[in-house]
Protein backbone atom coordinates (compact mmCIF):
# COMPACT_ATOMS: atom_id res chain seq x y z
CA UNK A 1 -10.56 0.76 -8.98
CA UNK A 2 -12.05 0.46 -12.41
CA UNK A 3 -15.91 0.73 -12.29
CA UNK A 4 -18.08 -2.40 -12.35
CA UNK A 5 -19.62 -3.66 -15.74
CA UNK A 6 -22.43 -6.09 -16.02
CA UNK A 7 -21.32 -9.61 -15.37
CA UNK A 8 -21.16 -12.00 -18.36
CA UNK A 9 -23.74 -14.78 -18.51
CA UNK A 10 -22.73 -17.63 -16.10
CA UNK A 11 -21.33 -20.92 -17.74
CA UNK A 12 -23.93 -23.41 -18.88
CA UNK A 13 -25.00 -26.10 -16.57
CA UNK A 14 -23.35 -28.69 -18.84
CA UNK A 15 -19.81 -27.07 -18.10
CA UNK A 16 -20.25 -27.03 -14.57
CA UNK A 17 -19.41 -30.73 -13.80
CA UNK A 18 -16.17 -30.39 -15.74
CA UNK A 19 -15.03 -27.33 -13.80
CA UNK A 20 -16.06 -28.90 -10.35
CA UNK A 21 -13.89 -32.07 -11.35
CA UNK A 22 -10.86 -29.80 -11.18
CA UNK A 23 -10.27 -30.22 -7.55
CA UNK A 24 -8.30 -28.59 -4.79
CA UNK A 25 -5.10 -30.37 -5.39
CA UNK A 26 -4.57 -28.22 -8.55
CA UNK A 27 -2.27 -30.70 -10.19
CA UNK A 28 0.54 -29.15 -12.62
CA UNK A 29 -1.15 -30.75 -15.49
CA UNK A 30 -4.62 -29.11 -14.84
CA UNK A 31 -2.81 -25.64 -14.25
CA UNK A 32 -1.00 -25.97 -17.47
CA UNK A 33 -4.09 -26.94 -19.48
CA UNK A 34 -6.17 -24.13 -18.07
CA UNK A 35 -3.47 -21.53 -18.57
CA UNK A 36 -2.89 -22.72 -22.09
CA UNK A 37 -6.52 -22.42 -22.70
CA UNK A 38 -6.84 -18.94 -21.27
CA UNK A 39 -4.05 -17.66 -23.45
CA UNK A 40 -5.78 -19.23 -26.48
CA UNK A 41 -8.85 -17.45 -25.45
CA UNK A 42 -7.16 -13.95 -24.85
CA UNK A 43 -5.47 -14.26 -28.41
CA UNK A 44 -8.69 -15.13 -30.07
CA UNK A 45 -10.57 -12.06 -28.43
CA UNK A 46 -7.92 -9.52 -29.56
CA UNK A 47 -9.41 -6.83 -32.17
CA UNK A 48 -8.14 -6.18 -35.55
CA UNK A 49 -6.61 -3.02 -33.97
CA UNK A 50 -4.59 -4.92 -31.71
CA UNK A 51 -6.67 -3.93 -28.55
CA UNK A 52 -8.72 -5.64 -26.05
CA UNK A 53 -11.61 -3.95 -23.95
CA UNK A 54 -14.18 -4.34 -21.18
CA UNK A 55 -17.37 -3.93 -22.99
CA UNK A 56 -16.06 -1.05 -25.19
CA UNK A 57 -14.24 0.54 -22.03
CA UNK A 58 -10.83 0.76 -20.77
CA UNK A 59 -8.99 -0.24 -23.97
CA UNK A 60 -5.50 0.92 -22.99
CA UNK A 61 -5.79 -0.96 -19.57
CA UNK A 62 -7.17 -4.22 -21.11
CA UNK A 63 -4.87 -4.35 -23.98
CA UNK A 64 -1.76 -3.83 -21.49
CA UNK A 65 -2.95 -6.40 -19.15
CA UNK A 66 -3.81 -8.89 -21.92
CA UNK A 67 -0.36 -8.20 -23.16
CA UNK A 68 1.44 -8.77 -19.94
CA UNK A 69 -0.48 -12.35 -19.70
CA UNK A 70 0.80 -13.22 -23.10
CA UNK A 71 4.38 -12.03 -22.26
CA UNK A 72 4.32 -14.08 -19.26
CA UNK A 73 3.97 -17.19 -21.33
CA UNK A 74 7.58 -16.43 -22.86
CA UNK A 75 6.57 -14.93 -26.08
CA UNK A 76 7.80 -11.71 -27.18
CA UNK A 77 6.91 -9.45 -30.06
CA UNK A 78 9.97 -10.95 -31.77
CA UNK A 79 9.12 -14.63 -31.25
CA UNK A 80 7.02 -17.29 -29.67
CA UNK A 81 3.60 -18.55 -30.06
CA UNK A 82 1.98 -15.14 -29.36
CA UNK A 83 4.21 -12.91 -31.14
CA UNK A 84 1.68 -11.64 -33.71
CA UNK A 85 -0.74 -10.69 -30.98
CA UNK A 86 2.03 -8.89 -28.83
CA UNK A 87 3.14 -6.89 -32.02
CA UNK A 88 -0.36 -5.70 -32.56
CA UNK A 89 -0.67 -4.84 -28.91
CA UNK A 90 2.42 -2.82 -28.82
CA UNK A 91 1.45 -1.05 -32.14
CA UNK A 92 -2.00 -0.25 -30.53
CA UNK A 93 -0.69 1.34 -27.48
CA UNK A 94 1.91 3.40 -29.32
CA UNK A 95 -0.79 4.61 -31.61
CA UNK A 96 -2.61 5.74 -28.43
CA UNK A 97 0.50 7.77 -27.08
CA UNK A 98 -0.63 11.55 -27.02
CA UNK A 99 1.53 14.54 -27.48
CA UNK A 100 1.42 15.33 -23.72
CA UNK A 101 2.75 11.66 -22.93
CA UNK A 102 -0.53 10.15 -21.87
CA UNK A 103 -1.08 6.55 -23.14
CA UNK A 104 -4.83 6.33 -23.73
CA UNK A 105 -7.70 8.35 -24.81
CA UNK A 106 -9.23 10.82 -22.37
CA UNK A 107 -12.24 11.09 -24.26
CA UNK A 108 -13.18 7.50 -24.15
CA UNK A 109 -11.93 6.64 -20.63
CA UNK A 110 -12.89 8.42 -17.58
CA UNK A 111 -10.21 6.57 -15.60
CA UNK A 112 -7.27 6.80 -17.83
CA UNK A 113 -4.48 6.70 -15.43
CA UNK A 114 -5.19 2.95 -15.02
CA UNK A 115 -4.64 2.36 -18.72
CA UNK A 116 -1.65 4.74 -18.83
CA UNK A 117 0.07 2.95 -15.82
CA UNK A 118 -0.45 -0.41 -17.09
CA UNK A 119 0.64 0.58 -20.55
CA UNK A 120 3.99 1.87 -19.11
CA UNK A 121 4.43 -1.55 -17.25
CA UNK A 122 3.75 -3.59 -20.49
CA UNK A 123 5.82 -1.38 -22.92
CA UNK A 124 8.48 -1.34 -20.33
CA UNK A 125 8.73 -5.25 -20.22
CA UNK A 126 8.61 -5.34 -24.02
CA UNK A 127 11.47 -2.83 -24.53
CA UNK A 128 14.28 -5.23 -23.57
CA UNK A 129 12.96 -7.92 -25.84
CA UNK A 130 12.66 -5.69 -28.93
CA UNK A 131 15.36 -6.67 -31.63
CA UNK A 132 14.68 -3.84 -34.19
CA UNK A 133 16.62 -0.69 -33.23
CA UNK A 134 14.24 1.80 -34.69
CA UNK A 135 11.15 0.12 -32.78
CA UNK A 136 13.22 0.14 -29.57
CA UNK A 137 13.66 3.86 -30.15
CA UNK A 138 10.09 4.44 -30.72
CA UNK A 139 9.17 2.62 -27.63
CA UNK A 140 11.63 4.36 -25.51
CA UNK A 141 10.18 7.78 -26.76
CA UNK A 142 6.74 6.79 -25.78
CA UNK A 143 7.99 5.51 -22.34
CA UNK A 144 10.06 8.83 -21.65
CA UNK A 145 7.28 10.85 -22.43
CA UNK A 146 4.82 8.73 -20.38
CA UNK A 147 7.04 9.15 -17.26
CA UNK A 148 7.06 12.87 -17.65
CA UNK A 149 3.11 12.89 -17.97
CA UNK A 150 2.98 10.59 -14.93
CA UNK A 151 5.31 13.08 -12.89
CA UNK A 152 2.90 15.99 -13.88
CA UNK A 153 -0.24 14.05 -13.13
CA UNK A 154 0.91 13.38 -9.54
CA UNK A 155 -1.07 15.19 -6.69
CA UNK A 156 0.38 17.42 -4.11
CA UNK A 157 -0.32 14.71 -1.60
CA UNK A 158 1.92 12.11 -3.82
CA UNK A 159 -0.59 10.02 -5.10
CA UNK A 160 -2.76 9.76 -8.30
CA UNK A 161 -6.31 9.73 -9.07
CA UNK A 162 -8.38 8.42 -11.87
CA UNK A 163 -7.31 11.26 -14.12
CA UNK A 164 -4.31 13.71 -13.91
CA UNK A 165 -4.11 15.99 -10.89
CA UNK A 166 -5.11 18.96 -12.94
CA UNK A 167 -8.03 17.19 -14.61
CA UNK A 168 -9.15 15.80 -11.35
CA UNK A 169 -8.89 18.78 -9.02
CA UNK A 170 -6.16 17.05 -6.99
CA UNK A 171 -8.28 13.90 -6.14
CA UNK A 172 -6.11 10.71 -5.58
CA UNK A 173 -6.46 7.17 -4.32
CA UNK A 174 -4.53 4.13 -3.61
CA UNK A 175 -5.21 1.75 -6.44
CA UNK A 176 -4.22 4.16 -9.24
CA UNK A 177 -1.20 5.24 -7.16
CA UNK A 178 0.00 1.70 -7.00
CA UNK A 179 -0.63 1.33 -10.94
CA UNK A 180 1.67 4.43 -11.47
CA UNK A 181 4.53 3.20 -9.25
CA UNK A 182 4.53 -0.16 -10.73
CA UNK A 183 4.71 1.40 -14.29
CA UNK A 184 7.40 3.71 -13.22
CA UNK A 185 9.45 0.77 -11.67
CA UNK A 186 9.13 -1.11 -14.88
CA UNK A 187 10.47 1.88 -16.89
CA UNK A 188 13.42 2.42 -14.51
CA UNK A 189 14.44 -1.20 -14.70
CA UNK A 190 14.34 -0.87 -18.61
CA UNK A 191 16.59 2.13 -18.41
CA UNK A 192 14.12 4.98 -18.76
CA UNK A 193 15.10 7.88 -16.47
CA UNK A 194 12.66 8.17 -13.67
CA UNK A 195 13.02 11.12 -11.13
CA UNK A 196 13.55 9.58 -7.71
CA UNK A 197 11.41 12.48 -6.29
CA UNK A 198 8.32 11.08 -7.87
CA UNK A 199 8.56 7.73 -6.38
CA UNK A 200 9.67 9.13 -2.99
CA UNK A 201 6.51 11.30 -2.87
CA UNK A 202 4.57 8.01 -3.87
CA UNK A 203 6.01 5.96 -0.99
CA UNK A 204 5.31 8.75 1.55
CA UNK A 205 1.66 8.73 0.07
CA UNK A 206 1.30 5.00 0.75
CA UNK A 207 2.68 5.48 4.42
CA UNK A 208 0.10 8.15 4.95
CA UNK A 209 -2.70 5.92 3.84
CA UNK A 210 -1.46 3.00 6.29
CA UNK A 211 -3.24 2.49 9.42
CA UNK A 212 -1.87 1.23 12.75
CA UNK A 213 -3.09 -2.31 12.04
CA UNK A 214 -1.32 -2.35 8.58
CA UNK A 215 -4.53 -1.91 6.53
CA UNK A 216 -4.20 0.72 3.63
CA UNK A 217 -7.29 3.02 3.51
CA UNK A 218 -8.59 4.45 0.33
CA UNK A 219 -7.02 7.80 0.39
CA UNK A 220 -5.15 9.97 2.80
CA UNK A 221 -8.46 11.60 3.09
CA UNK A 222 -9.88 8.72 5.04
CA UNK A 223 -11.66 5.34 4.97
CA UNK A 224 -11.05 2.01 6.50
CA UNK A 225 -8.30 -0.48 5.70
CA UNK A 226 -8.99 -2.34 2.50
CA UNK A 227 -7.39 -5.67 1.74
CA UNK A 228 -7.15 -5.26 -1.86
CA UNK A 229 -5.45 -1.96 -1.88
CA UNK A 230 -3.29 -3.19 1.03
CA UNK A 231 -1.96 -5.98 -1.24
CA UNK A 232 -1.41 -3.64 -4.06
CA UNK A 233 0.37 -1.19 -1.83
CA UNK A 234 2.52 -3.89 -0.41
CA UNK A 235 3.55 -5.06 -4.00
CA UNK A 236 4.12 -1.26 -4.69
CA UNK A 237 6.60 -1.02 -1.84
CA UNK A 238 8.33 -4.09 -3.02
CA UNK A 239 8.59 -2.65 -6.47
CA UNK A 240 9.98 0.64 -5.04
CA UNK A 241 12.69 -1.24 -3.24
CA UNK A 242 11.14 -0.90 0.05
CA UNK A 243 11.71 -4.40 1.49
CA UNK A 244 12.74 -3.33 4.83
CA UNK A 245 10.19 -0.52 5.13
CA UNK A 246 8.95 -0.17 8.61
CA UNK A 247 5.47 -0.44 7.36
CA UNK A 248 5.91 -3.75 5.49
CA UNK A 249 5.41 -6.13 8.48
CA UNK A 250 2.31 -4.51 9.52
CA UNK A 251 0.89 -4.46 5.88
CA UNK A 252 2.15 -8.34 5.42
CA UNK A 253 0.33 -9.24 8.67
CA UNK A 254 -2.86 -7.46 7.65
CA UNK A 255 -2.87 -9.14 4.11
CA UNK A 256 -2.26 -12.59 5.93
CA UNK A 257 -5.21 -12.03 8.17
CA UNK A 258 -7.53 -10.99 5.26
CA UNK A 259 -6.24 -12.59 2.27
CA UNK A 260 -5.54 -16.16 2.73
CA UNK A 261 -5.87 -18.23 -0.30
CA UNK A 262 -8.99 -19.63 0.71
CA UNK A 263 -10.78 -16.49 1.59
CA UNK A 264 -14.17 -16.02 0.24
CA UNK A 265 -13.70 -12.68 -1.47
CA UNK A 266 -16.18 -10.96 1.03
CA UNK A 267 -14.01 -7.80 0.81
CA UNK A 268 -14.49 -7.53 -2.98
CA UNK A 269 -12.04 -7.39 -5.67
CA UNK A 270 -10.78 -10.89 -5.02
CA UNK A 271 -8.85 -11.29 -8.41
CA UNK A 272 -7.39 -7.69 -8.07
CA UNK A 273 -6.31 -8.38 -4.53
CA UNK A 274 -4.51 -11.62 -5.52
CA UNK A 275 -3.09 -10.33 -8.49
CA UNK A 276 -0.89 -8.16 -6.35
CA UNK A 277 -0.85 -10.32 -3.23
CA UNK A 278 0.70 -13.23 -5.37
CA UNK A 279 3.45 -11.14 -6.58
CA UNK A 280 4.29 -10.54 -2.96
CA UNK A 281 4.33 -13.97 -1.90
CA UNK A 282 6.24 -15.13 -4.89
CA UNK A 283 8.97 -13.28 -3.51
CA UNK A 284 8.68 -15.21 -0.18
CA UNK A 285 9.57 -18.75 -1.28
CA UNK A 286 8.81 -20.30 2.15
CA UNK A 287 5.22 -19.18 1.71
CA UNK A 288 4.56 -19.30 -2.08
CA UNK A 289 4.26 -23.11 -2.38
CA UNK A 290 1.31 -23.49 -0.17
CA UNK A 291 -0.33 -20.21 -1.25
CA UNK A 292 0.16 -21.21 -4.89
CA UNK A 293 -1.41 -24.69 -4.26
CA UNK A 294 -4.50 -23.23 -2.77
CA UNK A 295 -4.95 -20.40 -5.22
CA UNK A 296 -4.12 -22.35 -8.11
CA UNK A 297 -6.78 -24.80 -7.18
CA UNK A 298 -9.43 -22.14 -6.69
CA UNK A 299 -8.52 -20.48 -10.15
CA UNK A 300 -8.65 -23.87 -12.08
CA UNK A 301 -12.16 -24.61 -10.38
CA UNK A 302 -13.52 -21.44 -11.42
CA UNK A 303 -12.29 -21.52 -15.11
CA UNK A 304 -15.14 -21.56 -17.44
CA UNK A 305 -14.25 -23.93 -20.79
CA UNK A 306 -14.92 -22.17 -24.31
CA UNK A 307 -14.21 -23.06 -27.66
CA UNK A 308 -11.71 -21.02 -29.66
CA UNK A 309 -10.56 -21.13 -33.16
CA UNK A 310 -7.07 -22.48 -31.86
CA UNK A 311 -8.91 -25.32 -29.65
CA UNK A 312 -10.23 -25.61 -26.30
CA UNK A 313 -9.80 -22.50 -24.26
CA UNK A 314 -10.89 -21.14 -20.85
CA UNK A 315 -11.93 -17.78 -19.38
CA UNK A 316 -13.02 -16.51 -16.05
CA UNK A 317 -16.29 -14.51 -15.78
CA UNK A 318 -15.94 -13.57 -12.13
CA UNK A 319 -15.08 -10.12 -11.29
CA UNK A 320 -16.17 -6.51 -11.63
CA UNK A 321 -14.90 -5.37 -14.96
CA UNK A 322 -15.51 -8.37 -17.30
CA UNK A 323 -13.69 -11.66 -18.60
CA UNK A 324 -10.64 -10.00 -20.43
CA UNK A 325 -9.74 -8.14 -17.23
CA UNK A 326 -10.21 -11.25 -14.91
CA UNK A 327 -8.75 -13.83 -17.08
CA UNK A 328 -5.65 -11.58 -17.76
CA UNK A 329 -5.19 -11.18 -14.01
CA UNK A 330 -5.45 -14.79 -13.47
CA UNK A 331 -3.19 -15.79 -16.24
CA UNK A 332 -0.44 -13.53 -14.77
CA UNK A 333 -0.86 -15.32 -11.44
CA UNK A 334 -0.68 -18.73 -13.10
CA UNK A 335 2.52 -17.93 -14.88
CA UNK A 336 4.55 -16.25 -12.18
CA UNK A 337 6.87 -19.27 -11.86
CA UNK A 338 7.85 -18.64 -15.53
CA UNK A 339 9.77 -15.62 -14.40
CA UNK A 340 9.62 -14.19 -17.85
CA UNK A 341 9.00 -10.61 -16.79
CA UNK A 342 11.65 -8.57 -14.85
CA UNK A 343 9.06 -6.63 -12.90
CA UNK A 344 7.80 -9.85 -11.27
CA UNK A 345 11.05 -11.91 -10.74
CA UNK A 346 12.51 -12.79 -7.49
């Protein structure tokens, strides 16, 4: 996963009573207010170039995730409250497309496959909403080259590492593999050709990382089962159309054991884990309502009030990477019921 940055300063003591007042029932009005405030804060923190970053790092990944959060509100680059920000985000990521198909800057980002995968996902969701024919053609060109890059970056084992197989001497691991597969699924859904062999190899890689108890280890080379990677891998199998996969029941049971909505996060990467686990349970209506109630209550209680030029805002300071990352992930979770993005729909 992305490496840790220093945590932002905690909310002031004056803000704490307000945050704690948002109690466990997580009423819809509170969720809507916090979500709206989070979106305002994200929009206000976009750079003039159209990007977001994590303390100067991971600009492609942060821009794509922030863009997905804004898309989840219902805005598109062509219309809606956050259309200007989305247009700038698309412009920025297109400007980061390299001749070899990579979306990102390998000189600034030592884990560029995250940004590449999230950028494929974001731009693939934008493609169907783009009304300008010339612009659609440009995005389609970038995505087609990006898919080709991803295929070439895949390791012999079927996974991906923090960089391409060539640059990383064949190293791979689970979280980057999931990012590529979800990006590829978004591209395929948008009409971009994706060779089936790439996805088949990735699914086999996930199978090879899955232990008997359903936990998914760091890579095929070893390690214990990890709840966050297991949730991400499960979402990945769903995105790959593997709903009836023989591995899915074991993985779901493992996640139910380790990722209840009230878990304390002792496994690490709580927000990353629930970013993916929420996508899984959203597709399971009989489990979604209770999970949503508990998870939304936790997210609302953790939100930190902030001022923005557009009015009261919120952000989340918890997590390893920084507030843009954590806020974007949480906003996507809070807006799954909007069903605005094809990749997250039931």
